[in-house]
């Protein structure tokens, strides 16, 4: 087959070109499978981050994450326990009661 005058492409080159993506995907799949095999076979641990981060707790902070208010002895300055925001819910109920 002649394309653009002097450049020729044979059918064999075209078929090889069509199979290249299949071969590349197969090799990548093989590499992923081998990696998974070694992780399972040798019980390798894949860790995210450092071990020091495991001991940090959200509740060690002095600020309630739900309200952003400062906390003393597990209660924020509005009386909400750590991680909750009941003051807004209480205000919504009050406005509903007043609309009756």
N, C-alpha and C. Protein backbone atom coordinates (compact mmCIF):
# COMPACT_ATOMS: atom_id res chain seq x y z
N UNK A 1 0.84 -1.17 0.00
CA UNK A 1 0.00 0.00 0.00
C UNK A 1 0.90 1.25 0.00
N UNK A 2 0.60 2.19 -0.85
CA UNK A 2 1.40 3.40 -0.98
C UNK A 2 0.62 4.57 -0.40
N UNK A 3 1.27 5.30 0.53
CA UNK A 3 0.62 6.46 1.14
C UNK A 3 1.53 7.66 0.91
N UNK A 4 1.00 8.71 0.34
CA UNK A 4 1.74 9.95 0.14
C UNK A 4 2.97 9.83 -0.75
N UNK A 5 2.97 8.98 -1.73
CA UNK A 5 4.06 8.91 -2.69
C UNK A 5 5.13 7.89 -2.31
N UNK A 6 6.11 8.27 -1.49
CA UNK A 6 7.26 7.40 -1.26
C UNK A 6 7.15 6.56 0.02
N UNK A 7 6.19 6.80 0.85
CA UNK A 7 6.07 6.07 2.12
C UNK A 7 5.18 4.85 1.92
N UNK A 8 5.69 3.68 2.22
CA UNK A 8 4.90 2.46 2.04
C UNK A 8 4.68 1.78 3.39
N UNK A 9 3.51 1.22 3.54
CA UNK A 9 3.16 0.48 4.75
C UNK A 9 2.65 -0.87 4.32
N UNK A 10 3.24 -1.91 4.85
CA UNK A 10 2.78 -3.25 4.50
C UNK A 10 1.67 -3.66 5.46
N UNK A 11 0.93 -4.66 5.09
CA UNK A 11 -0.16 -5.16 5.93
C UNK A 11 0.39 -5.78 7.21
N UNK A 12 1.60 -6.33 7.16
CA UNK A 12 2.22 -6.92 8.33
C UNK A 12 2.47 -5.84 9.39
N UNK A 13 2.96 -4.65 8.98
CA UNK A 13 3.19 -3.55 9.91
C UNK A 13 1.89 -3.08 10.53
N UNK A 14 0.82 -3.04 9.76
CA UNK A 14 -0.48 -2.61 10.25
C UNK A 14 -1.01 -3.57 11.31
N UNK A 15 -0.86 -4.87 11.08
CA UNK A 15 -1.34 -5.86 12.06
C UNK A 15 -0.53 -5.79 13.35
N UNK A 16 0.79 -5.61 13.24
CA UNK A 16 1.62 -5.48 14.45
C UNK A 16 1.22 -4.25 15.25
N UNK A 17 0.92 -3.17 14.54
CA UNK A 17 0.50 -1.94 15.20
C UNK A 17 -0.83 -2.14 15.95
N UNK A 18 -1.74 -2.92 15.38
CA UNK A 18 -3.04 -3.15 16.02
C UNK A 18 -2.91 -3.99 17.29
N UNK A 19 -1.93 -4.87 17.34
CA UNK A 19 -1.77 -5.75 18.51
C UNK A 19 -0.94 -5.13 19.63
N UNK A 20 -0.27 -4.02 19.38
CA UNK A 20 0.57 -3.40 20.40
C UNK A 20 -0.20 -3.01 21.66
N UNK A 21 -1.37 -2.35 21.57
CA UNK A 21 -2.10 -2.02 22.80
C UNK A 21 -2.51 -3.26 23.59
N UNK A 22 -2.88 -4.33 22.90
CA UNK A 22 -3.27 -5.56 23.58
C UNK A 22 -2.09 -6.15 24.34
N UNK A 23 -0.92 -6.12 23.73
CA UNK A 23 0.28 -6.66 24.37
C UNK A 23 0.67 -5.80 25.58
N UNK A 24 0.61 -4.49 25.44
CA UNK A 24 0.96 -3.59 26.54
C UNK A 24 0.00 -3.78 27.72
N UNK A 25 -1.28 -3.86 27.45
CA UNK A 25 -2.27 -4.06 28.52
C UNK A 25 -2.07 -5.41 29.19
N UNK A 26 -1.76 -6.43 28.42
CA UNK A 26 -1.50 -7.76 28.99
C UNK A 26 -0.29 -7.75 29.91
N UNK A 27 0.78 -7.08 29.50
CA UNK A 27 1.97 -7.00 30.34
C UNK A 27 1.71 -6.22 31.62
N UNK A 28 0.97 -5.13 31.54
CA UNK A 28 0.63 -4.37 32.74
C UNK A 28 -0.23 -5.20 33.69
N UNK A 29 -1.16 -5.95 33.15
CA UNK A 29 -2.00 -6.82 33.96
C UNK A 29 -1.16 -7.89 34.65
N UNK A 30 -0.19 -8.44 33.94
CA UNK A 30 0.70 -9.44 34.52
C UNK A 30 1.51 -8.85 35.67
N UNK A 31 2.02 -7.63 35.49
CA UNK A 31 2.79 -6.99 36.56
C UNK A 31 1.94 -6.73 37.79
N UNK A 32 0.72 -6.27 37.61
CA UNK A 32 -0.18 -6.03 38.74
C UNK A 32 -0.49 -7.34 39.46
N UNK A 33 -0.75 -8.39 38.70
CA UNK A 33 -1.04 -9.69 39.31
C UNK A 33 0.16 -10.23 40.08
N UNK A 34 1.37 -10.07 39.55
CA UNK A 34 2.56 -10.51 40.26
C UNK A 34 2.75 -9.73 41.56
N UNK A 35 2.53 -8.44 41.51
CA UNK A 35 2.64 -7.61 42.71
C UNK A 35 1.65 -8.08 43.77
N UNK A 36 0.41 -8.30 43.38
CA UNK A 36 -0.61 -8.77 44.33
C UNK A 36 -0.26 -10.15 44.88
N UNK A 37 0.28 -11.02 44.04
CA UNK A 37 0.69 -12.35 44.48
C UNK A 37 1.74 -12.26 45.58
N UNK A 38 2.77 -11.42 45.37
CA UNK A 38 3.82 -11.30 46.37
C UNK A 38 3.32 -10.65 47.66
N UNK A 39 2.41 -9.71 47.54
CA UNK A 39 1.85 -9.09 48.75
C UNK A 39 1.09 -10.13 49.56
N UNK A 40 0.30 -10.96 48.90
CA UNK A 40 -0.48 -11.98 49.60
C UNK A 40 0.41 -13.11 50.09
N UNK A 41 1.31 -13.59 49.25
CA UNK A 41 2.16 -14.74 49.58
C UNK A 41 3.07 -14.45 50.77
N UNK A 42 3.68 -13.29 50.79
CA UNK A 42 4.64 -12.96 51.84
C UNK A 42 4.02 -12.08 52.92
N UNK A 43 2.71 -11.90 52.87
CA UNK A 43 1.97 -11.13 53.87
C UNK A 43 2.60 -9.75 54.08
N UNK A 44 2.90 -9.09 52.99
CA UNK A 44 3.51 -7.77 53.06
C UNK A 44 2.46 -6.74 53.46
N UNK A 45 2.87 -5.82 54.27
CA UNK A 45 1.96 -4.77 54.72
C UNK A 45 2.25 -3.51 53.91
N UNK A 46 1.22 -2.94 53.35
CA UNK A 46 1.35 -1.69 52.63
C UNK A 46 0.73 -0.62 53.53
N UNK A 47 1.56 0.26 54.05
CA UNK A 47 1.06 1.23 55.03
C UNK A 47 0.88 2.59 54.38
N UNK A 48 -0.08 3.31 54.90
CA UNK A 48 -0.32 4.68 54.46
C UNK A 48 0.12 5.60 55.59
N UNK A 49 1.02 6.49 55.33
CA UNK A 49 1.45 7.43 56.35
C UNK A 49 2.38 6.78 57.37
N UNK A 50 2.61 7.51 58.44
CA UNK A 50 3.50 7.01 59.47
C UNK A 50 2.72 6.39 60.62
N UNK A 51 3.39 5.61 61.42
CA UNK A 51 2.77 4.96 62.57
C UNK A 51 2.40 5.96 63.66
N UNK A 52 3.05 7.10 63.69
CA UNK A 52 2.77 8.09 64.72
C UNK A 52 1.36 8.66 64.59
N UNK A 53 0.81 8.66 63.40
CA UNK A 53 -0.52 9.23 63.19
C UNK A 53 -1.62 8.35 63.77
N UNK A 54 -1.34 7.06 64.06
CA UNK A 54 -2.37 6.17 64.57
C UNK A 54 -2.81 6.55 65.98
N UNK A 55 -1.95 7.21 66.74
CA UNK A 55 -2.26 7.53 68.13
C UNK A 55 -2.96 8.86 68.30
N UNK A 56 -3.14 9.61 67.24
CA UNK A 56 -3.78 10.92 67.34
C UNK A 56 -5.29 10.75 67.27
N UNK A 57 -6.00 11.35 68.18
CA UNK A 57 -7.45 11.27 68.22
C UNK A 57 -8.04 12.64 67.98
N UNK A 58 -9.19 12.68 67.33
CA UNK A 58 -9.87 13.95 67.09
C UNK A 58 -10.35 14.55 68.40
N UNK A 59 -10.68 13.70 69.36
CA UNK A 59 -11.24 14.17 70.61
C UNK A 59 -10.20 14.69 71.58
N UNK A 60 -8.92 14.62 71.22
CA UNK A 60 -7.87 15.18 72.06
C UNK A 60 -7.80 16.70 71.93
N UNK A 61 -8.49 17.24 70.99
CA UNK A 61 -8.44 18.67 70.73
C UNK A 61 -9.29 19.44 71.75
N UNK A 62 -9.06 20.71 71.86
CA UNK A 62 -9.81 21.56 72.78
C UNK A 62 -10.91 22.32 72.08
N UNK A 63 -11.24 21.92 70.84
CA UNK A 63 -12.29 22.59 70.07
C UNK A 63 -13.28 21.54 69.59
N UNK A 64 -14.58 21.80 69.74
CA UNK A 64 -15.61 20.89 69.26
C UNK A 64 -15.63 20.96 67.74
N UNK A 65 -15.40 19.84 67.03
CA UNK A 65 -15.35 19.88 65.57
C UNK A 65 -16.70 20.21 64.93
N UNK A 66 -17.80 19.98 65.63
CA UNK A 66 -19.12 20.26 65.05
C UNK A 66 -19.48 21.74 65.12
N UNK A 67 -19.05 22.40 66.19
CA UNK A 67 -19.44 23.81 66.37
C UNK A 67 -18.29 24.78 66.19
N UNK A 68 -17.07 24.30 66.43
CA UNK A 68 -15.92 25.18 66.38
C UNK A 68 -15.72 25.96 67.67
N UNK A 69 -16.50 25.64 68.70
CA UNK A 69 -16.40 26.33 69.98
C UNK A 69 -15.36 25.65 70.86
N UNK A 70 -14.74 26.41 71.78
CA UNK A 70 -13.76 25.80 72.68
C UNK A 70 -14.45 24.84 73.66
N UNK A 71 -13.71 23.79 74.06
CA UNK A 71 -14.27 22.77 74.94
C UNK A 71 -13.53 22.72 76.27
N UNK A 72 -14.28 22.42 77.33
CA UNK A 72 -13.73 22.17 78.66
C UNK A 72 -14.41 20.92 79.20
N UNK A 73 -13.62 19.91 79.57
CA UNK A 73 -14.14 18.65 80.12
C UNK A 73 -15.18 17.98 79.22
N UNK A 74 -14.96 17.97 77.92
CA UNK A 74 -15.84 17.26 76.99
C UNK A 74 -17.08 18.02 76.57
N UNK A 75 -17.26 19.25 77.02
CA UNK A 75 -18.42 20.07 76.64
C UNK A 75 -17.91 21.38 76.07
N UNK A 76 -18.58 21.85 75.00
CA UNK A 76 -18.16 23.15 74.47
C UNK A 76 -18.86 24.26 75.25
N UNK A 77 -18.55 25.49 74.91
CA UNK A 77 -19.05 26.63 75.68
C UNK A 77 -20.56 26.81 75.55
N UNK A 78 -21.21 26.16 74.58
CA UNK A 78 -22.67 26.23 74.44
C UNK A 78 -23.35 25.03 75.11
N UNK A 79 -22.57 24.10 75.70
CA UNK A 79 -23.14 22.95 76.38
C UNK A 79 -23.29 21.72 75.51
N UNK A 80 -22.75 21.73 74.32
CA UNK A 80 -22.82 20.58 73.42
C UNK A 80 -21.70 19.59 73.73
N UNK A 81 -22.01 18.28 73.74
CA UNK A 81 -20.92 17.31 73.89
C UNK A 81 -20.05 17.29 72.64
N UNK A 82 -18.86 16.74 72.79
CA UNK A 82 -17.89 16.72 71.69
C UNK A 82 -18.46 16.04 70.45
N UNK A 83 -18.36 16.69 69.31
CA UNK A 83 -18.80 16.11 68.04
C UNK A 83 -20.26 16.35 67.72
N UNK A 84 -20.98 17.11 68.54
CA UNK A 84 -22.39 17.35 68.25
C UNK A 84 -22.71 18.83 68.34
N UNK A 85 -23.83 19.21 67.72
CA UNK A 85 -24.28 20.60 67.71
C UNK A 85 -25.78 20.60 67.93
N UNK A 86 -26.19 20.51 69.20
CA UNK A 86 -27.61 20.48 69.52
C UNK A 86 -28.21 21.88 69.62
N UNK A 87 -27.40 22.90 69.72
CA UNK A 87 -27.93 24.25 69.89
C UNK A 87 -28.70 24.70 68.66
N UNK A 88 -28.24 24.37 67.48
CA UNK A 88 -28.93 24.76 66.26
C UNK A 88 -30.25 24.00 66.13
N UNK A 89 -30.24 22.71 66.45
CA UNK A 89 -31.46 21.91 66.42
C UNK A 89 -32.49 22.48 67.40
N UNK A 90 -32.04 22.91 68.55
CA UNK A 90 -32.93 23.48 69.56
C UNK A 90 -33.56 24.78 69.03
N UNK A 91 -32.79 25.61 68.36
CA UNK A 91 -33.32 26.86 67.82
C UNK A 91 -34.34 26.58 66.73
N UNK A 92 -34.12 25.57 65.89
CA UNK A 92 -35.07 25.22 64.85
C UNK A 92 -36.39 24.77 65.46
N UNK A 93 -36.34 23.99 66.53
CA UNK A 93 -37.56 23.54 67.20
C UNK A 93 -38.30 24.70 67.82
N UNK A 94 -37.58 25.65 68.38
CA UNK A 94 -38.22 26.81 69.00
C UNK A 94 -38.96 27.62 67.94
N UNK A 95 -38.37 27.83 66.79
CA UNK A 95 -39.03 28.63 65.77
C UNK A 95 -40.26 27.88 65.23
N UNK A 96 -40.23 26.55 65.19
CA UNK A 96 -41.38 25.78 64.73
C UNK A 96 -42.50 25.88 65.76
N UNK A 97 -42.15 25.84 67.05
CA UNK A 97 -43.16 25.95 68.10
C UNK A 97 -43.82 27.33 68.06
N UNK A 98 -43.05 28.36 67.76
CA UNK A 98 -43.60 29.70 67.74
C UNK A 98 -44.52 29.91 66.54
N UNK A 99 -44.38 29.15 65.47
CA UNK A 99 -45.20 29.32 64.28
C UNK A 99 -46.58 28.72 64.45
N UNK A 100 -46.81 27.88 65.46
CA UNK A 100 -48.12 27.25 65.66
C UNK A 100 -49.21 28.25 65.90
